[in-house]
Amino acid sequence: MPMTPTAKAQLQIHFCVLLWGFTAILGKMITLPALPLVWWRMLLVVAALALLPSVWRGLRAMPARLTLAYCGIGALVALHWLTFYGAIKLANASVAATCIALAPAFTSVIEPWLARRPFSRRELAFGLAVLPGVALVVGGVPAGMHAGVAVGALSALFVALFGSLNKRLVDHSDPLTVTGLELGAGTLLLTLLAPLMPFVFPAFAGDLFALPGLQDGALLLVLSLLCTLLPFALSLVALRHLSAYAVQLVTNLEPIYAILLAIVLLGEQRELTPLFYLGVAIILAAVFLHPLLNRNKPTDEVHHAEVLGTSEAKNLVE
C-alpha cells in the first residue's frame, strides 16, 4: 500500500528534527571555539546558497527597507548561534539543547509585544511553568556548567526575538533568499565582532581565518550541508502537507533527540544528575502541553520554514 503524502511528510519532518538534533552533538565534537565554529557554519551555508540563481533574483527584487530588516534579524540569528555553541562549550550538548526549550517561555512575552497584540494568559502560564524545571536543571549540573546554563538561556532569548520578528516578515520573500541574506549579514557581524571578542568574551574567541583541521573541516561540512541545508530543503517539501499543530509537536522533540544522542554518542549522562533530567521533563512537559491544549483553536496553516537559523529554535510554524 503506497504511503500517503501526509504520512511521508511526517517521516520527513521527523528526519529533519533528528538532523537538527545532531547540531548540538557536532558543536561539541568540533574543537573550534564558538566564534569560528559559527562563522564557518554560516559562511559555508551562504556560499552554498550563493550558487543558486533564484537567491540572486530574490535579492534583486527585494525592497531596500526589507533587506535591512532581514539583515537586522540575521544579526540576532548570529548571536543565537554564537551563544548556543558557547553554551555547548561551557557546559555540554544536553544543557544547551535543554536551554533552547526555554524559547517558548520568552516568546510568550516577546511576541505579543512585537506584534502589538494582547498577552495570552495561557501562554504566560506555560512560560512560567518552565521556571521550576529551570531551577532543577541548574541544580542538576556541576557548578562549572552554570555559566553554560546562563549563556544557553540567553541563546533562547535570541531565538524568541528573531523568531517573532521573522514571523512578521516570513511571507514577504523567498525563504532561500531570506536565509542567504540573514546568514550573510550574520557572518559579517561576527567578522566585525572578532577583534573585540578576546576582550568581551574570551571563552568564545578564536581566529576566523585559520583553516580548520581535517576533522573539524569535515564536521563543519556535515553541520552546514547535511544538518542545515538538507533538512531545510526537505522541510519545505514536508510542510506543504502538514498542519501547524502537527509540525509543532514534532519539532518539540528536538531537545529530546539531542539529549538522547548526547547520551549515546558523548556519554553525557555521567556529567549530569537525576535533578537535571527531572527539570528537563518539566520543561518539555510544558512545551508539549501547550500545542495539545491549543489544538482546537483556529490557527494559520503552515508557512514555509522561516530561515535556517530557526531550525534549532522550533520556529517553523506560526
Protein backbone atom coordinates (compact mmCIF):
# COMPACT_ATOMS: atom_id res chain seq x y z
CA MET A 1 0.00 0.00 0.00
CA PRO A 2 1.56 3.34 -1.03
CA MET A 3 2.37 5.87 1.67
CA THR A 4 0.06 8.89 1.81
CA PRO A 5 1.58 12.37 1.29
CA THR A 6 0.79 13.25 4.92
CA ALA A 7 2.49 10.14 6.32
CA LYS A 8 5.51 10.75 4.10
CA ALA A 9 5.67 14.37 5.27
CA GLN A 10 5.57 13.23 8.91
CA LEU A 11 8.57 10.97 8.32
CA GLN A 12 10.39 13.79 6.53
CA ILE A 13 9.83 16.23 9.41
CA HIS A 14 11.00 13.64 11.96
CA PHE A 15 14.14 13.12 9.89
CA CYS A 16 14.70 16.91 9.74
CA VAL A 17 14.33 17.24 13.51
CA LEU A 18 16.71 14.33 14.06
CA LEU A 19 19.29 16.06 11.85
CA TRP A 20 18.79 19.30 13.81
CA GLY A 21 19.33 17.32 17.00
CA PHE A 22 22.78 16.41 15.67
CA THR A 23 23.79 20.09 15.51
CA ALA A 24 24.42 20.18 19.26
CA ILE A 25 26.43 16.94 19.09
CA LEU A 26 28.57 18.26 16.24
CA GLY A 27 29.08 21.51 18.13
CA LYS A 28 30.59 19.52 20.98
CA MET A 29 32.72 17.36 18.69
CA ILE A 30 34.18 20.28 16.72
CA THR A 31 37.20 21.58 18.62
CA LEU A 32 36.97 25.17 17.36
CA PRO A 33 35.84 27.86 19.82
CA ALA A 34 32.25 29.10 19.45
CA LEU A 35 33.03 32.17 17.31
CA PRO A 36 34.98 30.50 14.46
CA LEU A 37 32.65 27.48 14.60
CA VAL A 38 29.58 29.63 13.96
CA TRP A 39 31.42 31.83 11.44
CA TRP A 40 32.43 28.85 9.32
CA ARG A 41 28.98 27.28 9.58
CA MET A 42 27.27 30.44 8.37
CA LEU A 43 29.87 31.12 5.69
CA LEU A 44 29.56 27.61 4.22
CA VAL A 45 25.75 27.83 4.08
CA VAL A 46 25.89 31.28 2.46
CA ALA A 47 28.45 30.03 -0.08
CA ALA A 48 26.19 27.11 -0.99
CA LEU A 49 23.15 29.38 -1.36
CA ALA A 50 25.16 31.82 -3.48
CA LEU A 51 25.33 29.12 -6.16
CA LEU A 52 21.53 29.29 -6.66
CA PRO A 53 20.36 31.83 -9.30
CA SER A 54 16.97 32.08 -7.57
CA VAL A 55 18.64 33.55 -4.48
CA TRP A 56 20.23 36.35 -6.51
CA ARG A 57 16.94 37.05 -8.31
CA GLY A 58 15.20 37.30 -4.95
CA LEU A 59 17.83 39.72 -3.65
CA ARG A 60 17.49 41.99 -6.68
CA ALA A 61 13.71 42.09 -6.28
CA MET A 62 13.75 42.79 -2.54
CA PRO A 63 13.00 46.38 -1.39
CA ALA A 64 15.83 48.13 0.48
CA ARG A 65 13.81 48.52 3.68
CA LEU A 66 13.01 44.80 3.79
CA THR A 67 16.64 43.97 3.06
CA LEU A 68 17.74 45.99 6.09
CA ALA A 69 15.09 44.33 8.25
CA TYR A 70 16.30 40.86 7.32
CA CYS A 71 19.91 41.91 7.92
CA GLY A 72 18.96 43.01 11.44
CA ILE A 73 17.26 39.67 12.06
CA GLY A 74 20.37 37.95 10.71
CA ALA A 75 22.42 39.68 13.40
CA LEU A 76 20.13 38.12 16.02
CA VAL A 77 20.47 34.70 14.35
CA ALA A 78 24.27 35.02 14.55
CA LEU A 79 24.09 35.93 18.24
CA HIS A 80 21.76 32.99 18.87
CA TRP A 81 24.12 30.51 17.25
CA LEU A 82 27.13 32.09 18.96
CA THR A 83 25.56 31.73 22.41
CA PHE A 84 24.12 28.29 21.60
CA TYR A 85 27.52 26.87 20.71
CA GLY A 86 29.06 28.90 23.51
CA ALA A 87 26.73 27.09 25.93
CA ILE A 88 27.83 23.75 24.47
CA LYS A 89 31.49 24.65 25.01
CA LEU A 90 30.88 25.99 28.54
CA ALA A 91 28.63 23.08 29.56
CA ASN A 92 27.61 20.30 27.15
CA ALA A 93 25.18 19.46 24.36
CA SER A 94 22.42 18.29 26.72
CA VAL A 95 22.44 21.55 28.68
CA ALA A 96 22.42 23.70 25.54
CA ALA A 97 19.55 21.73 23.99
CA THR A 98 17.53 22.00 27.20
CA CYS A 99 18.05 25.75 27.37
CA ILE A 100 16.68 26.18 23.84
CA ALA A 101 13.44 24.61 25.10
CA LEU A 102 13.04 27.83 27.14
CA ALA A 103 12.40 29.78 23.92
CA PRO A 104 8.57 29.38 24.09
CA ALA A 105 8.60 30.96 27.55
CA PHE A 106 10.41 34.02 26.22
CA THR A 107 8.25 34.08 23.10
CA SER A 108 5.06 34.21 25.19
CA VAL A 109 6.20 37.62 26.44
CA ILE A 110 8.12 38.96 23.43
CA GLU A 111 5.84 38.06 20.52
CA PRO A 112 2.71 39.90 21.80
CA TRP A 113 4.88 42.95 22.43
CA LEU A 114 6.41 42.88 18.94
CA ALA A 115 3.12 42.00 17.23
CA ARG A 116 1.19 44.56 19.32
CA ARG A 117 -1.43 42.01 20.32
CA PRO A 118 -2.87 41.27 23.78
CA PHE A 119 -0.90 38.92 26.00
CA SER A 120 -2.32 35.42 26.26
CA ARG A 121 -2.78 34.31 29.85
CA ARG A 122 -2.43 30.70 28.78
CA GLU A 123 0.87 31.36 27.01
CA LEU A 124 2.19 33.28 30.01
CA ALA A 125 1.12 30.44 32.31
CA PHE A 126 3.05 27.92 30.24
CA GLY A 127 6.02 30.28 30.20
CA LEU A 128 6.00 30.44 34.00
CA ALA A 129 5.51 26.67 34.24
CA VAL A 130 9.04 26.04 32.94
CA LEU A 131 10.69 28.00 35.76
CA PRO A 132 10.71 25.10 38.29
CA GLY A 133 12.28 22.96 35.57
CA VAL A 134 14.96 25.58 35.01
CA ALA A 135 15.74 25.63 38.73
CA LEU A 136 16.12 21.85 38.75
CA VAL A 137 18.32 21.92 35.63
CA VAL A 138 20.64 24.45 37.29
CA GLY A 139 20.75 22.36 40.44
CA GLY A 140 21.38 19.20 38.43
CA VAL A 141 24.56 20.31 36.67
CA PRO A 142 28.05 20.77 38.16
CA ALA A 143 28.88 24.30 39.32
CA GLY A 144 31.36 24.64 36.48
CA MET A 145 28.50 24.39 33.97
CA HIS A 146 26.34 27.18 35.45
CA ALA A 147 27.85 29.70 33.05
CA GLY A 148 26.77 27.43 30.19
CA VAL A 149 23.18 27.41 31.51
CA ALA A 150 23.16 31.22 31.65
CA VAL A 151 24.56 31.54 28.12
CA GLY A 152 22.09 28.90 26.89
CA ALA A 153 19.19 30.87 28.38
CA LEU A 154 20.49 33.98 26.57
CA SER A 155 20.53 31.94 23.36
CA ALA A 156 16.87 31.04 23.91
CA LEU A 157 16.09 34.75 24.33
CA PHE A 158 17.68 35.48 20.94
CA VAL A 159 15.56 32.66 19.48
CA ALA A 160 12.41 34.31 20.77
CA LEU A 161 13.47 37.67 19.35
CA PHE A 162 14.41 36.63 15.83
CA GLY A 163 11.67 34.02 15.62
CA SER A 164 9.00 36.58 16.48
CA LEU A 165 10.43 39.09 14.00
CA ASN A 166 10.67 36.50 11.24
CA LYS A 167 7.02 35.60 11.71
CA ARG A 168 6.08 39.19 10.89
CA LEU A 169 8.05 39.11 7.63
CA VAL A 170 8.02 35.46 6.56
CA ASP A 171 5.50 35.89 3.73
CA HIS A 172 7.30 38.78 2.05
CA SER A 173 10.18 36.97 0.32
CA ASP A 174 11.51 33.63 -0.88
CA PRO A 175 12.76 31.54 2.10
CA LEU A 176 16.09 30.64 0.49
CA THR A 177 16.75 34.28 -0.35
CA VAL A 178 15.92 35.32 3.20
CA THR A 179 18.19 32.61 4.57
CA GLY A 180 21.12 33.70 2.43
CA LEU A 181 20.62 37.35 3.34
CA GLU A 182 20.22 36.76 7.08
CA LEU A 183 23.14 34.37 7.38
CA GLY A 184 25.27 36.63 5.18
CA ALA A 185 24.53 39.55 7.49
CA GLY A 186 25.27 37.33 10.48
CA THR A 187 28.62 36.30 9.00
CA LEU A 188 29.53 39.96 8.51
CA LEU A 189 28.56 40.79 12.10
CA LEU A 190 30.74 38.01 13.50
CA THR A 191 33.63 39.19 11.33
CA LEU A 192 33.30 42.67 12.84
CA LEU A 193 32.98 41.29 16.38
CA ALA A 194 36.02 39.01 16.11
CA PRO A 195 38.66 41.62 17.10
CA LEU A 196 36.60 42.60 20.18
CA MET A 197 35.75 39.09 21.35
CA PRO A 198 39.04 38.41 23.23
CA PHE A 199 38.28 41.43 25.42
CA VAL A 200 34.48 40.98 25.71
CA PHE A 201 34.11 37.20 25.94
CA PRO A 202 37.49 35.42 25.59
CA ALA A 203 35.91 31.98 26.01
CA PHE A 204 34.23 32.40 22.60
CA ALA A 205 37.18 33.99 20.76
CA GLY A 206 39.21 32.36 18.01
CA ASP A 207 40.99 33.06 14.74
CA LEU A 208 38.37 33.22 11.99
CA PHE A 209 40.76 32.96 9.09
CA ALA A 210 42.79 29.97 10.26
CA LEU A 211 41.73 26.97 8.20
CA PRO A 212 40.17 24.23 10.37
CA GLY A 213 41.95 20.91 10.64
CA LEU A 214 40.84 17.95 8.55
CA GLN A 215 38.49 16.51 11.20
CA ASP A 216 36.97 19.88 12.14
CA GLY A 217 36.60 20.77 8.45
CA ALA A 218 34.74 17.54 7.71
CA LEU A 219 32.46 18.02 10.72
CA LEU A 220 31.78 21.62 9.69
CA LEU A 221 30.71 20.44 6.23
CA VAL A 222 28.37 17.89 7.81
CA LEU A 223 26.98 20.56 10.15
CA SER A 224 26.48 23.11 7.37
CA LEU A 225 25.26 20.98 4.49
CA LEU A 226 23.76 17.81 5.95
CA CYS A 227 22.35 19.25 9.20
CA THR A 228 21.39 22.71 7.94
CA LEU A 229 20.75 22.94 4.19
CA LEU A 230 19.42 19.40 3.68
CA PRO A 231 16.75 19.47 6.42
CA PHE A 232 15.76 22.99 5.42
CA ALA A 233 15.11 21.93 1.82
CA LEU A 234 13.35 18.75 2.94
CA SER A 235 11.18 20.67 5.39
CA LEU A 236 9.97 22.96 2.60
CA VAL A 237 8.55 19.88 0.87
CA ALA A 238 7.06 18.31 4.00
CA LEU A 239 5.42 21.48 5.31
CA ARG A 240 3.05 21.56 2.33
CA HIS A 241 1.17 18.55 3.72
CA LEU A 242 1.15 19.18 7.49
CA SER A 243 -0.75 21.43 9.87
CA ALA A 244 0.96 23.90 12.16
CA TYR A 245 -0.10 21.77 15.15
CA ALA A 246 1.46 18.59 13.74
CA VAL A 247 4.76 20.30 12.94
CA GLN A 248 4.99 21.96 16.35
CA LEU A 249 4.61 18.62 18.11
CA VAL A 250 7.37 17.04 16.04
CA THR A 251 9.79 19.96 16.35
CA ASN A 252 9.31 19.89 20.11
CA LEU A 253 11.17 16.57 20.01
CA GLU A 254 14.45 18.25 19.05
CA PRO A 255 15.78 18.65 22.64
CA ILE A 256 14.86 15.03 23.34
CA TYR A 257 16.72 13.81 20.25
CA ALA A 258 19.72 15.97 21.15
CA ILE A 259 19.86 14.71 24.75
CA LEU A 260 19.48 11.05 23.71
CA LEU A 261 22.19 11.48 21.06
CA ALA A 262 24.44 13.15 23.64
CA ILE A 263 23.97 10.18 25.97
CA VAL A 264 24.65 7.58 23.28
CA LEU A 265 27.48 9.35 21.42
CA LEU A 266 29.11 11.50 24.12
CA GLY A 267 28.22 9.72 27.36
CA GLU A 268 26.99 12.98 28.90
CA GLN A 269 24.75 11.20 31.42
CA ARG A 270 27.89 10.79 33.56
CA GLU A 271 28.14 14.58 33.93
CA LEU A 272 24.54 15.18 34.99
CA THR A 273 22.37 14.24 37.97
CA PRO A 274 18.76 12.96 38.13
CA LEU A 275 17.70 16.52 39.11
CA PHE A 276 18.77 17.69 35.65
CA TYR A 277 16.58 15.13 33.90
CA LEU A 278 13.65 15.91 36.19
CA GLY A 279 14.00 19.57 35.24
CA VAL A 280 14.16 18.60 31.54
CA ALA A 281 10.94 16.59 31.95
CA ILE A 282 9.12 19.58 33.48
CA ILE A 283 10.30 21.95 30.74
CA LEU A 284 9.39 19.56 27.93
CA ALA A 285 6.00 18.77 29.51
CA ALA A 286 5.12 22.46 29.37
CA VAL A 287 6.39 22.70 25.79
CA PHE A 288 4.31 19.71 24.66
CA LEU A 289 1.14 20.57 26.61
CA HIS A 290 0.82 23.98 25.01
CA PRO A 291 0.05 22.73 21.48
CA LEU A 292 -2.07 19.87 22.86
CA LEU A 293 -4.36 22.28 24.71
CA ASN A 294 -4.48 24.62 21.74
CA ARG A 295 -5.11 22.00 19.04
CA ASN A 296 -8.77 23.01 18.64
CA LYS A 297 -8.03 26.72 18.32
CA PRO A 298 -8.13 28.20 14.83
CA THR A 299 -4.61 28.55 13.53
CA ASP A 300 -2.88 29.52 10.35
CA GLU A 301 -1.73 26.75 8.09
CA VAL A 302 1.95 26.05 7.89
CA HIS A 303 4.09 28.63 6.14
CA HIS A 304 7.44 27.88 4.58
CA ALA A 305 10.27 27.29 7.04
CA GLU A 306 11.24 30.80 8.03
CA VAL A 307 15.03 30.61 7.90
CA LEU A 308 17.72 28.08 8.59
CA GLY A 309 18.53 29.84 11.81
CA THR A 310 15.15 28.98 13.24
CA SER A 311 15.61 25.28 12.74
CA GLU A 312 17.15 24.80 16.17
CA ALA A 313 14.54 27.06 17.67
CA LYS A 314 11.47 25.09 16.65
CA ASN A 315 10.04 28.18 14.94
CA LEU A 316 8.97 26.57 11.68
CA VAL A 317 5.34 27.48 12.14
CA GLU A 318 3.14 30.29 13.38
